[in-house]
């Protein structure tokens, strides 16, 4: 099936130099809030791209839980494929795409585990079913649906409404050194701004060709 003739024109908005915040964190929060306000589907969903020990890049969708002074936080099973890749190669990329806004944001940086106390605090705030499934699922390992459901039932019976925090589950934070904001424009003349970290004092900002 050829898709050469399929295309959308991007005419929803522009992104001029005068609109750009000099703090990329502020700019991201502004765009994220606009995406939430406009009911963009899954506004906190982001593509996490990693590189495995053999050089194979891989990607999956995870959810952003916060973006504060230390970077962008997300959570997972520390035995999962993405976690193993991050332990071996702690550089990653997080990409947001809000198609209804015709916008993208990309973060590149170094990833590290967050403090255990922070992971436990977030785990305890999750719905009960999410906590139980996090304990039951040997993420990224082969198994049948029947085995998974049986394991969940076993965990439910064992812990009831008070499942303990599992040490194999927790958060990561990506501290960005490169951030790019992309706004679709007509005729493929998109607006792109790159933030490159100079040091702890600030960022170098440049407009990029589309």
N, C-alpha and C. Protein backbone atom coordinates (compact mmCIF):
# COMPACT_ATOMS: atom_id res chain seq x y z
N UNK A 1 0.84 -1.20 0.00
CA UNK A 1 0.00 0.00 0.00
C UNK A 1 0.88 1.25 0.00
N UNK A 2 0.71 2.08 -1.01
CA UNK A 2 1.48 3.30 -1.10
C UNK A 2 0.80 4.43 -0.32
N UNK A 3 1.61 5.16 0.42
CA UNK A 3 1.10 6.30 1.19
C UNK A 3 1.70 7.62 0.70
N UNK A 4 2.31 7.60 -0.49
CA UNK A 4 2.97 8.80 -0.99
C UNK A 4 2.03 9.98 -1.14
N UNK A 5 0.77 9.70 -1.44
CA UNK A 5 -0.18 10.79 -1.68
C UNK A 5 -0.91 11.23 -0.42
N UNK A 6 -0.69 10.51 0.70
CA UNK A 6 -1.39 10.86 1.93
C UNK A 6 -0.60 11.90 2.69
N UNK A 7 -1.22 13.03 3.00
CA UNK A 7 -0.54 14.06 3.75
C UNK A 7 -1.55 15.01 4.38
N UNK A 8 -1.18 15.56 5.52
CA UNK A 8 -1.96 16.59 6.18
C UNK A 8 -1.20 17.90 6.12
N UNK A 9 -1.94 18.99 6.05
CA UNK A 9 -1.32 20.30 6.10
C UNK A 9 -1.40 20.82 7.53
N UNK A 10 -0.32 21.41 8.01
CA UNK A 10 -0.27 21.91 9.39
C UNK A 10 -0.54 23.42 9.40
N UNK A 11 -1.72 23.78 9.84
CA UNK A 11 -2.12 25.19 9.81
C UNK A 11 -2.74 25.66 11.13
N UNK A 12 -2.63 24.84 12.17
CA UNK A 12 -3.33 25.17 13.41
C UNK A 12 -2.73 26.37 14.13
N UNK A 13 -1.39 26.50 14.11
CA UNK A 13 -0.75 27.55 14.89
C UNK A 13 0.62 27.89 14.33
N UNK A 14 1.20 28.95 14.86
CA UNK A 14 2.58 29.32 14.57
C UNK A 14 3.33 29.39 15.90
N UNK A 15 4.63 29.43 15.81
CA UNK A 15 5.46 29.51 17.01
C UNK A 15 6.60 30.49 16.72
N UNK A 16 6.35 31.74 17.00
CA UNK A 16 7.30 32.80 16.68
C UNK A 16 8.34 32.95 17.78
N UNK A 17 9.44 33.60 17.44
CA UNK A 17 10.50 33.84 18.41
C UNK A 17 9.97 34.58 19.64
N UNK A 18 9.06 35.50 19.43
CA UNK A 18 8.53 36.29 20.53
C UNK A 18 7.68 35.47 21.50
N UNK A 19 7.21 34.30 21.07
CA UNK A 19 6.39 33.44 21.92
C UNK A 19 7.22 32.49 22.78
N UNK A 20 8.47 32.34 22.45
CA UNK A 20 9.31 31.33 23.09
C UNK A 20 9.76 31.78 24.47
N UNK A 21 9.53 30.93 25.48
CA UNK A 21 10.06 31.19 26.81
C UNK A 21 11.55 30.84 26.83
N UNK A 22 12.32 31.57 27.60
CA UNK A 22 13.75 31.29 27.68
C UNK A 22 14.07 30.12 28.60
N UNK A 23 13.11 29.71 29.41
CA UNK A 23 13.26 28.53 30.26
C UNK A 23 12.49 27.39 29.61
N UNK A 24 13.17 26.33 29.15
CA UNK A 24 12.47 25.25 28.44
C UNK A 24 11.47 24.51 29.32
N UNK A 25 11.72 24.45 30.61
CA UNK A 25 10.78 23.79 31.50
C UNK A 25 9.46 24.56 31.53
N UNK A 26 9.54 25.89 31.61
CA UNK A 26 8.33 26.71 31.56
C UNK A 26 7.61 26.55 30.23
N UNK A 27 8.39 26.51 29.14
CA UNK A 27 7.78 26.35 27.81
C UNK A 27 7.05 25.01 27.70
N UNK A 28 7.68 23.96 28.22
CA UNK A 28 7.04 22.65 28.16
C UNK A 28 5.77 22.62 28.98
N UNK A 29 5.81 23.13 30.20
CA UNK A 29 4.62 23.13 31.05
C UNK A 29 3.49 23.93 30.41
N UNK A 30 3.83 25.01 29.71
CA UNK A 30 2.82 25.79 29.01
C UNK A 30 2.16 24.96 27.92
N UNK A 31 2.96 24.31 27.11
CA UNK A 31 2.40 23.48 26.03
C UNK A 31 1.63 22.29 26.58
N UNK A 32 2.14 21.66 27.64
CA UNK A 32 1.44 20.52 28.23
C UNK A 32 0.08 20.94 28.77
N UNK A 33 0.03 22.07 29.45
CA UNK A 33 -1.24 22.55 29.98
C UNK A 33 -2.21 22.87 28.86
N UNK A 34 -1.73 23.41 27.76
CA UNK A 34 -2.60 23.68 26.61
C UNK A 34 -3.13 22.37 26.03
N UNK A 35 -2.28 21.35 25.96
CA UNK A 35 -2.72 20.05 25.46
C UNK A 35 -3.79 19.45 26.37
N UNK A 36 -3.60 19.58 27.68
CA UNK A 36 -4.60 19.07 28.62
C UNK A 36 -5.90 19.85 28.50
N UNK A 37 -5.80 21.17 28.39
CA UNK A 37 -6.99 22.02 28.30
C UNK A 37 -7.79 21.75 27.04
N UNK A 38 -7.10 21.37 25.96
CA UNK A 38 -7.78 21.09 24.70
C UNK A 38 -8.16 19.62 24.55
N UNK A 39 -8.02 18.86 25.63
CA UNK A 39 -8.39 17.44 25.63
C UNK A 39 -7.63 16.64 24.58
N UNK A 40 -6.37 16.96 24.42
CA UNK A 40 -5.53 16.15 23.53
C UNK A 40 -5.45 14.74 24.11
N UNK A 41 -5.52 13.71 23.26
CA UNK A 41 -5.49 12.34 23.78
C UNK A 41 -4.15 12.02 24.43
N UNK A 42 -4.21 11.44 25.64
CA UNK A 42 -3.04 11.01 26.39
C UNK A 42 -1.92 12.08 26.36
N UNK A 43 -2.17 13.25 26.90
CA UNK A 43 -1.18 14.33 26.80
C UNK A 43 0.14 14.06 27.51
N UNK A 44 0.16 13.16 28.50
CA UNK A 44 1.40 12.86 29.21
C UNK A 44 2.14 11.66 28.62
N UNK A 45 1.61 11.06 27.57
CA UNK A 45 2.26 9.92 26.94
C UNK A 45 3.50 10.38 26.18
N UNK A 46 4.58 9.64 26.33
CA UNK A 46 5.83 10.00 25.66
C UNK A 46 6.54 8.73 25.20
N UNK A 47 7.25 8.84 24.09
CA UNK A 47 8.03 7.73 23.58
C UNK A 47 9.39 7.74 24.25
N UNK A 48 9.70 6.64 24.93
CA UNK A 48 11.01 6.47 25.55
C UNK A 48 11.88 5.64 24.62
N UNK A 49 12.95 6.24 24.11
CA UNK A 49 13.87 5.54 23.21
C UNK A 49 15.17 5.24 23.94
N UNK A 50 15.59 4.00 23.86
CA UNK A 50 16.82 3.56 24.52
C UNK A 50 17.67 2.79 23.52
N UNK A 51 18.92 2.53 23.91
CA UNK A 51 19.83 1.73 23.09
C UNK A 51 20.33 0.57 23.94
N UNK A 52 20.19 -0.65 23.42
CA UNK A 52 20.60 -1.82 24.16
C UNK A 52 22.10 -2.08 24.00
N UNK A 53 22.61 -3.02 24.78
CA UNK A 53 24.04 -3.28 24.81
C UNK A 53 24.61 -3.64 23.45
N UNK A 54 23.81 -4.28 22.58
CA UNK A 54 24.28 -4.67 21.25
C UNK A 54 24.12 -3.56 20.22
N UNK A 55 23.71 -2.35 20.67
CA UNK A 55 23.54 -1.23 19.76
C UNK A 55 22.17 -1.10 19.16
N UNK A 56 21.26 -2.03 19.49
CA UNK A 56 19.91 -2.00 18.94
C UNK A 56 19.07 -0.92 19.62
N UNK A 57 18.60 0.09 18.87
CA UNK A 57 17.68 1.06 19.47
C UNK A 57 16.28 0.47 19.58
N UNK A 58 15.55 0.87 20.60
CA UNK A 58 14.19 0.40 20.78
C UNK A 58 13.39 1.50 21.47
N UNK A 59 12.07 1.45 21.30
CA UNK A 59 11.21 2.52 21.82
C UNK A 59 9.90 1.95 22.29
N UNK A 60 9.28 2.66 23.24
CA UNK A 60 7.96 2.30 23.74
C UNK A 60 7.33 3.54 24.36
N UNK A 61 6.03 3.48 24.64
CA UNK A 61 5.31 4.60 25.22
C UNK A 61 5.24 4.43 26.73
N UNK A 62 5.61 5.47 27.46
CA UNK A 62 5.45 5.52 28.92
C UNK A 62 4.75 6.84 29.26
N UNK A 63 4.42 7.01 30.54
CA UNK A 63 3.71 8.22 30.95
C UNK A 63 4.60 9.10 31.82
N UNK A 64 4.60 10.38 31.52
CA UNK A 64 5.31 11.36 32.33
C UNK A 64 4.57 11.54 33.66
N UNK A 65 5.31 11.51 34.76
CA UNK A 65 4.69 11.72 36.07
C UNK A 65 5.06 13.07 36.67
N UNK A 66 6.17 13.65 36.28
CA UNK A 66 6.50 15.00 36.71
C UNK A 66 7.69 15.50 35.91
N UNK A 67 7.82 16.82 35.83
CA UNK A 67 9.00 17.46 35.26
C UNK A 67 9.34 18.62 36.17
N UNK A 68 10.28 18.38 37.07
CA UNK A 68 10.69 19.38 38.04
C UNK A 68 12.16 19.72 37.85
N UNK A 69 12.80 20.25 38.87
CA UNK A 69 14.17 20.72 38.75
C UNK A 69 15.15 19.62 38.36
N UNK A 70 14.87 18.37 38.78
CA UNK A 70 15.80 17.28 38.51
C UNK A 70 15.57 16.60 37.17
N UNK A 71 14.48 16.93 36.48
CA UNK A 71 14.23 16.34 35.17
C UNK A 71 12.86 15.70 35.06
N UNK A 72 12.70 14.85 34.06
CA UNK A 72 11.42 14.21 33.76
C UNK A 72 11.39 12.82 34.38
N UNK A 73 10.33 12.54 35.14
CA UNK A 73 10.24 11.28 35.87
C UNK A 73 9.20 10.34 35.25
N UNK A 74 9.55 9.06 35.23
CA UNK A 74 8.63 8.00 34.83
C UNK A 74 8.96 6.77 35.66
N UNK A 75 8.05 5.79 35.64
CA UNK A 75 8.19 4.62 36.51
C UNK A 75 8.05 3.33 35.70
N UNK A 76 8.71 2.28 36.20
CA UNK A 76 8.67 1.00 35.52
C UNK A 76 9.19 -0.10 36.43
N UNK A 77 9.11 -1.32 35.93
CA UNK A 77 9.73 -2.47 36.58
C UNK A 77 11.22 -2.45 36.27
N UNK A 78 12.05 -2.51 37.29
CA UNK A 78 13.49 -2.45 37.08
C UNK A 78 14.06 -3.68 36.39
N UNK A 79 13.25 -4.72 36.21
CA UNK A 79 13.69 -5.91 35.48
C UNK A 79 13.19 -5.89 34.04
N UNK A 80 12.48 -4.85 33.64
CA UNK A 80 11.93 -4.79 32.29
C UNK A 80 13.03 -4.57 31.26
N UNK A 81 12.68 -4.74 30.00
CA UNK A 81 13.67 -4.58 28.93
C UNK A 81 14.21 -3.15 28.89
N UNK A 82 13.32 -2.16 29.06
CA UNK A 82 13.79 -0.78 29.01
C UNK A 82 14.69 -0.45 30.17
N UNK A 83 14.39 -1.01 31.35
CA UNK A 83 15.22 -0.75 32.52
C UNK A 83 16.59 -1.38 32.37
N UNK A 84 16.64 -2.59 31.84
CA UNK A 84 17.93 -3.25 31.60
C UNK A 84 18.77 -2.41 30.63
N UNK A 85 18.13 -1.91 29.58
CA UNK A 85 18.85 -1.06 28.62
C UNK A 85 19.37 0.20 29.28
N UNK A 86 18.56 0.81 30.15
CA UNK A 86 18.97 2.04 30.82
C UNK A 86 20.11 1.80 31.80
N UNK A 87 20.13 0.64 32.43
CA UNK A 87 21.23 0.33 33.34
C UNK A 87 22.53 0.14 32.57
N UNK A 88 22.45 -0.40 31.36
CA UNK A 88 23.64 -0.64 30.55
C UNK A 88 24.08 0.61 29.80
N UNK A 89 23.11 1.41 29.38
CA UNK A 89 23.40 2.62 28.61
C UNK A 89 22.44 3.71 29.10
N UNK A 90 22.86 4.53 30.07
CA UNK A 90 21.93 5.45 30.73
C UNK A 90 21.67 6.76 29.99
N UNK A 91 21.76 6.72 28.65
CA UNK A 91 21.32 7.86 27.84
C UNK A 91 20.02 7.48 27.15
N UNK A 92 19.10 8.44 27.05
CA UNK A 92 17.80 8.13 26.45
C UNK A 92 17.19 9.38 25.84
N UNK A 93 16.10 9.17 25.14
CA UNK A 93 15.34 10.25 24.53
C UNK A 93 13.87 10.07 24.88
N UNK A 94 13.21 11.18 25.23
CA UNK A 94 11.78 11.20 25.49
C UNK A 94 11.12 12.13 24.49
N UNK A 95 10.11 11.63 23.78
CA UNK A 95 9.45 12.42 22.74
C UNK A 95 7.96 12.49 22.98
N UNK A 96 7.43 13.70 22.89
CA UNK A 96 5.99 13.92 22.99
C UNK A 96 5.46 14.31 21.61
N UNK A 97 4.28 13.78 21.27
CA UNK A 97 3.61 14.16 20.02
C UNK A 97 2.15 14.40 20.34
N UNK A 98 1.71 15.63 20.13
CA UNK A 98 0.32 16.00 20.32
C UNK A 98 -0.27 16.33 18.96
N UNK A 99 -0.80 15.33 18.25
CA UNK A 99 -1.24 15.55 16.87
C UNK A 99 -2.35 16.58 16.73
N UNK A 100 -3.25 16.67 17.72
CA UNK A 100 -4.32 17.66 17.61
C UNK A 100 -3.79 19.08 17.78
N UNK A 101 -2.62 19.21 18.40
CA UNK A 101 -1.97 20.52 18.55
C UNK A 101 -0.93 20.76 17.45
N UNK A 102 -0.62 19.70 16.70
CA UNK A 102 0.41 19.73 15.67
C UNK A 102 1.75 20.16 16.27
N UNK A 103 2.08 19.52 17.40
CA UNK A 103 3.30 19.86 18.13
C UNK A 103 4.06 18.61 18.55
N UNK A 104 5.37 18.77 18.65
CA UNK A 104 6.24 17.74 19.20
C UNK A 104 7.24 18.41 20.15
N UNK A 105 7.69 17.64 21.14
CA UNK A 105 8.78 18.07 22.01
C UNK A 105 9.69 16.87 22.22
N UNK A 106 10.99 17.11 22.15
CA UNK A 106 11.96 16.02 22.33
C UNK A 106 12.98 16.40 23.40
N UNK A 107 13.25 15.45 24.30
CA UNK A 107 14.24 15.63 25.36
C UNK A 107 15.32 14.55 25.20
N UNK A 108 16.57 14.95 25.21
CA UNK A 108 17.68 14.01 25.21
C UNK A 108 18.52 14.25 26.45
N UNK A 109 18.94 13.16 27.09
CA UNK A 109 19.73 13.35 28.30
C UNK A 109 20.14 12.07 28.97
N UNK A 110 20.63 12.22 30.19
CA UNK A 110 21.12 11.11 31.00
C UNK A 110 20.03 10.68 31.98
N UNK A 111 19.90 9.38 32.16
CA UNK A 111 18.85 8.82 33.01
C UNK A 111 19.47 8.17 34.24
N UNK A 112 18.81 8.35 35.38
CA UNK A 112 19.24 7.69 36.61
C UNK A 112 18.02 7.32 37.44
N UNK A 113 18.21 6.42 38.38
CA UNK A 113 17.11 6.04 39.27
C UNK A 113 16.84 7.18 40.27
N UNK A 114 15.59 7.32 40.63
CA UNK A 114 15.24 8.30 41.66
C UNK A 114 15.38 7.64 43.03
N UNK A 115 15.38 8.41 44.12
CA UNK A 115 15.49 7.81 45.45
C UNK A 115 14.37 6.81 45.73
N UNK A 116 14.69 5.76 46.46
CA UNK A 116 13.72 4.72 46.78
C UNK A 116 12.50 5.31 47.50
N UNK A 117 12.74 6.25 48.39
CA UNK A 117 11.64 6.85 49.14
C UNK A 117 10.64 7.53 48.20
N UNK A 118 11.14 8.16 47.14
CA UNK A 118 10.25 8.81 46.18
C UNK A 118 9.45 7.77 45.39
N UNK A 119 10.11 6.68 45.01
CA UNK A 119 9.41 5.60 44.30
C UNK A 119 8.33 4.99 45.17
N UNK A 120 8.64 4.76 46.43
CA UNK A 120 7.65 4.17 47.33
C UNK A 120 6.47 5.11 47.55
N UNK A 121 6.76 6.40 47.68
CA UNK A 121 5.68 7.37 47.87
C UNK A 121 4.73 7.36 46.69
N UNK A 122 5.29 7.32 45.47
CA UNK A 122 4.42 7.29 44.29
C UNK A 122 3.67 5.96 44.20
N UNK A 123 4.38 4.85 44.47
CA UNK A 123 3.72 3.54 44.42
C UNK A 123 2.52 3.50 45.34
N UNK A 124 2.67 4.01 46.55
CA UNK A 124 1.58 3.97 47.53
C UNK A 124 0.40 4.86 47.13
N UNK A 125 0.64 5.82 46.23
CA UNK A 125 -0.44 6.71 45.78
C UNK A 125 -1.25 6.13 44.62
N UNK A 126 -0.77 5.03 44.04
CA UNK A 126 -1.42 4.46 42.86
C UNK A 126 -2.70 3.71 43.27
N UNK A 127 -3.62 3.53 42.32
CA UNK A 127 -4.80 2.70 42.61
C UNK A 127 -4.38 1.30 43.04
N UNK A 128 -5.20 0.67 43.86
CA UNK A 128 -4.88 -0.65 44.38
C UNK A 128 -4.62 -1.64 43.25
N UNK A 129 -5.46 -1.64 42.22
CA UNK A 129 -5.28 -2.60 41.13
C UNK A 129 -3.95 -2.40 40.42
N UNK A 130 -3.48 -1.14 40.31
CA UNK A 130 -2.19 -0.88 39.66
C UNK A 130 -1.04 -1.38 40.52
N UNK A 131 -1.16 -1.24 41.84
CA UNK A 131 -0.12 -1.74 42.73
C UNK A 131 -0.03 -3.27 42.68
N UNK A 132 -1.19 -3.91 42.68
CA UNK A 132 -1.20 -5.37 42.63
C UNK A 132 -0.64 -5.89 41.31
N UNK A 133 -1.01 -5.26 40.21
CA UNK A 133 -0.52 -5.73 38.92
C UNK A 133 0.97 -5.49 38.77
N UNK A 134 1.49 -4.40 39.38
CA UNK A 134 2.93 -4.15 39.31
C UNK A 134 3.71 -5.26 40.00
N UNK A 135 3.17 -5.78 41.10
CA UNK A 135 3.81 -6.88 41.82
C UNK A 135 3.68 -8.19 41.04
N UNK A 136 2.52 -8.39 40.43
CA UNK A 136 2.23 -9.67 39.77
C UNK A 136 2.96 -9.85 38.44
N UNK A 137 3.21 -8.76 37.73
CA UNK A 137 3.72 -8.87 36.37
C UNK A 137 5.24 -8.94 36.31
N UNK A 138 5.80 -10.03 35.76
CA UNK A 138 7.24 -10.09 35.49
C UNK A 138 7.52 -9.39 34.16
N UNK A 139 7.47 -8.10 34.15
CA UNK A 139 7.42 -7.31 32.92
C UNK A 139 8.50 -7.71 31.92
N UNK A 140 8.10 -7.82 30.67
CA UNK A 140 8.94 -8.15 29.52
C UNK A 140 9.30 -9.63 29.44
N UNK A 141 8.84 -10.46 30.39
CA UNK A 141 9.13 -11.89 30.36
C UNK A 141 8.00 -12.64 29.65
N UNK A 142 8.31 -13.69 28.89
CA UNK A 142 7.26 -14.48 28.23
C UNK A 142 6.38 -15.19 29.26
N UNK A 143 5.07 -15.15 29.05
CA UNK A 143 4.14 -15.92 29.88
C UNK A 143 2.78 -15.90 29.23
N UNK A 144 1.92 -16.82 29.65
CA UNK A 144 0.57 -16.89 29.10
C UNK A 144 -0.35 -15.94 29.86
N UNK A 145 -1.50 -15.62 29.24
CA UNK A 145 -2.49 -14.78 29.91
C UNK A 145 -3.01 -15.48 31.17
N UNK A 146 -3.18 -16.80 31.08
CA UNK A 146 -3.68 -17.56 32.23
C UNK A 146 -2.70 -17.48 33.41
N UNK A 147 -1.42 -17.57 33.09
CA UNK A 147 -0.40 -17.47 34.14
C UNK A 147 -0.42 -16.09 34.78
N UNK A 148 -0.55 -15.06 33.96
CA UNK A 148 -0.57 -13.68 34.48
C UNK A 148 -1.77 -13.47 35.40
N UNK A 149 -2.95 -13.91 34.98
CA UNK A 149 -4.15 -13.73 35.79
C UNK A 149 -4.09 -14.57 37.07
N UNK A 150 -3.49 -15.73 36.98
CA UNK A 150 -3.34 -16.56 38.17
C UNK A 150 -2.37 -15.91 39.16
N UNK A 151 -1.32 -15.31 38.64
CA UNK A 151 -0.36 -14.61 39.51
C UNK A 151 -1.01 -13.41 40.18
N UNK A 152 -1.84 -12.67 39.44
CA UNK A 152 -2.54 -11.54 40.03
C UNK A 152 -3.47 -12.00 41.15
N UNK A 153 -4.21 -13.08 40.92
CA UNK A 153 -5.10 -13.61 41.94
C UNK A 153 -4.31 -14.03 43.18
N UNK A 154 -3.15 -14.60 42.97
CA UNK A 154 -2.29 -15.01 44.08
C UNK A 154 -1.83 -13.80 44.90
N UNK A 155 -1.43 -12.74 44.21
CA UNK A 155 -0.98 -11.52 44.89
C UNK A 155 -2.13 -10.86 45.64
N UNK A 156 -3.31 -10.84 45.02
CA UNK A 156 -4.48 -10.28 45.69
C UNK A 156 -4.80 -11.03 46.98
N UNK A 157 -4.74 -12.36 46.90
CA UNK A 157 -5.03 -13.19 48.08
C UNK A 157 -3.98 -12.99 49.16
N UNK A 158 -2.73 -12.83 48.74
CA UNK A 158 -1.63 -12.72 49.70
C UNK A 158 -1.63 -11.38 50.44
N UNK A 159 -1.90 -10.27 49.70
CA UNK A 159 -1.73 -8.94 50.29
C UNK A 159 -3.03 -8.18 50.52
N UNK A 160 -4.11 -8.59 49.90
CA UNK A 160 -5.37 -7.88 50.09
C UNK A 160 -5.27 -6.43 49.64
N UNK A 161 -5.68 -5.52 50.51
CA UNK A 161 -5.69 -4.09 50.17
C UNK A 161 -4.42 -3.37 50.60
N UNK A 162 -3.40 -4.12 51.04
CA UNK A 162 -2.18 -3.48 51.54
C UNK A 162 -0.93 -4.12 50.93
N UNK A 163 -0.79 -4.06 49.60
CA UNK A 163 0.40 -4.65 48.99
C UNK A 163 1.64 -3.83 49.34
N UNK A 164 2.76 -4.48 49.64
CA UNK A 164 3.98 -3.76 49.99
C UNK A 164 4.67 -3.20 48.75
N UNK A 165 5.49 -2.21 48.96
CA UNK A 165 6.28 -1.66 47.85
C UNK A 165 7.30 -2.69 47.39
N UNK A 166 7.29 -3.04 46.09
CA UNK A 166 8.26 -4.03 45.59
C UNK A 166 9.57 -3.35 45.22
N UNK A 167 10.68 -3.89 45.68
CA UNK A 167 11.99 -3.29 45.43
C UNK A 167 12.38 -3.32 43.96
N UNK A 168 11.74 -4.18 43.17
CA UNK A 168 12.09 -4.28 41.75
C UNK A 168 11.33 -3.28 40.89
N UNK A 169 10.62 -2.36 41.50
CA UNK A 169 9.80 -1.38 40.77
C UNK A 169 10.14 0.02 41.26
N UNK A 170 10.21 0.98 40.33
CA UNK A 170 10.51 2.33 40.78
C UNK A 170 10.67 3.31 39.64
N UNK A 171 11.19 4.47 39.96
CA UNK A 171 11.24 5.56 39.01
C UNK A 171 12.63 5.85 38.46
N UNK A 172 12.60 6.50 37.29
CA UNK A 172 13.80 7.04 36.67
C UNK A 172 13.56 8.53 36.42
N UNK A 173 14.65 9.26 36.31
CA UNK A 173 14.57 10.67 35.94
C UNK A 173 15.55 10.93 34.81
N UNK A 174 15.07 11.60 33.76
CA UNK A 174 15.93 12.00 32.65
C UNK A 174 16.26 13.48 32.84
N UNK A 175 17.55 13.77 33.00
CA UNK A 175 18.03 15.14 33.11
C UNK A 175 18.43 15.61 31.72
N UNK A 176 17.65 16.48 31.08
CA UNK A 176 17.91 16.81 29.68
C UNK A 176 19.11 17.75 29.49
N UNK A 177 19.86 17.47 28.42
CA UNK A 177 20.89 18.41 27.99
C UNK A 177 20.55 19.00 26.62
N UNK A 178 19.50 18.44 25.98
CA UNK A 178 19.02 18.95 24.70
C UNK A 178 17.50 18.82 24.68
N UNK A 179 16.83 19.92 24.31
CA UNK A 179 15.37 19.94 24.23
C UNK A 179 14.98 20.64 22.94
N UNK A 180 14.03 20.07 22.22
CA UNK A 180 13.56 20.69 20.98
C UNK A 180 12.05 20.80 20.96
N UNK A 181 11.57 21.98 20.60
CA UNK A 181 10.14 22.25 20.45
C UNK A 181 9.83 22.40 18.96
N UNK A 182 8.78 21.74 18.51
CA UNK A 182 8.41 21.69 17.09
C UNK A 182 6.95 22.03 16.94
N UNK A 183 6.66 23.03 16.13
CA UNK A 183 5.29 23.41 15.80
C UNK A 183 5.09 23.26 14.30
N UNK A 184 4.13 22.43 13.89
CA UNK A 184 3.87 22.24 12.48
C UNK A 184 3.41 23.53 11.82
N UNK A 185 3.87 23.76 10.60
CA UNK A 185 3.47 24.93 9.82
C UNK A 185 3.13 24.51 8.39
N UNK A 186 2.41 25.35 7.71
CA UNK A 186 2.01 25.08 6.33
C UNK A 186 3.25 24.96 5.43
N UNK A 187 3.10 24.18 4.36
CA UNK A 187 4.15 23.99 3.36
C UNK A 187 5.41 23.34 3.95
N UNK A 188 5.24 22.68 5.07
CA UNK A 188 6.34 21.99 5.76
C UNK A 188 7.43 22.97 6.25
N UNK A 189 7.10 24.23 6.38
CA UNK A 189 8.04 25.22 6.93
C UNK A 189 7.82 25.32 8.44
N UNK A 190 8.08 24.23 9.12
CA UNK A 190 7.77 24.12 10.54
C UNK A 190 8.66 25.04 11.38
N UNK A 191 8.15 25.38 12.57
CA UNK A 191 8.93 26.13 13.55
C UNK A 191 9.63 25.15 14.48
N UNK A 192 10.96 25.29 14.62
CA UNK A 192 11.74 24.42 15.50
C UNK A 192 12.70 25.27 16.32
N UNK A 193 12.69 25.04 17.62
CA UNK A 193 13.62 25.71 18.51
C UNK A 193 14.36 24.68 19.35
N UNK A 194 15.67 24.81 19.42
CA UNK A 194 16.50 23.88 20.18
C UNK A 194 17.11 24.59 21.38
N UNK A 195 17.07 23.91 22.52
CA UNK A 195 17.74 24.35 23.74
C UNK A 195 18.88 23.39 24.02
N UNK A 196 20.10 23.90 24.10
CA UNK A 196 21.25 23.07 24.43
C UNK A 196 21.86 23.60 25.72
N UNK A 197 22.01 22.71 26.69
CA UNK A 197 22.51 23.14 27.99
C UNK A 197 23.99 23.54 27.90
N UNK A 198 24.28 24.72 28.39
CA UNK A 198 25.66 25.20 28.41
C UNK A 198 26.37 24.70 29.66
N UNK A 199 25.77 24.96 30.81
CA UNK A 199 26.25 24.51 32.10
C UNK A 199 25.09 24.68 33.06
N UNK A 200 25.37 24.76 34.32
CA UNK A 200 24.28 24.91 35.28
C UNK A 200 23.62 26.29 35.23
N UNK A 201 24.20 27.21 34.46
CA UNK A 201 23.69 28.58 34.45
C UNK A 201 22.64 28.85 33.38
N UNK A 202 22.49 27.99 32.40
CA UNK A 202 21.51 28.32 31.39
C UNK A 202 21.58 27.47 30.13
N UNK A 203 20.92 27.98 29.08
CA UNK A 203 20.75 27.27 27.84
C UNK A 203 21.12 28.14 26.65
N UNK A 204 21.63 27.50 25.60
CA UNK A 204 21.82 28.16 24.30
C UNK A 204 20.58 27.82 23.45
N UNK A 205 19.94 28.85 22.91
CA UNK A 205 18.70 28.68 22.15
C UNK A 205 18.95 29.02 20.69
N UNK A 206 18.45 28.18 19.80
CA UNK A 206 18.60 28.45 18.36
C UNK A 206 17.37 28.00 17.62
N UNK A 207 17.01 28.72 16.56
CA UNK A 207 15.95 28.29 15.66
C UNK A 207 16.59 27.37 14.61
N UNK A 208 15.93 26.26 14.33
CA UNK A 208 16.44 25.28 13.37
C UNK A 208 15.62 25.29 12.09
N UNK A 209 16.28 24.98 11.00
CA UNK A 209 15.56 24.79 9.74
C UNK A 209 14.63 23.59 9.86
N UNK A 210 13.45 23.65 9.24
CA UNK A 210 12.49 22.54 9.36
C UNK A 210 12.99 21.30 8.61
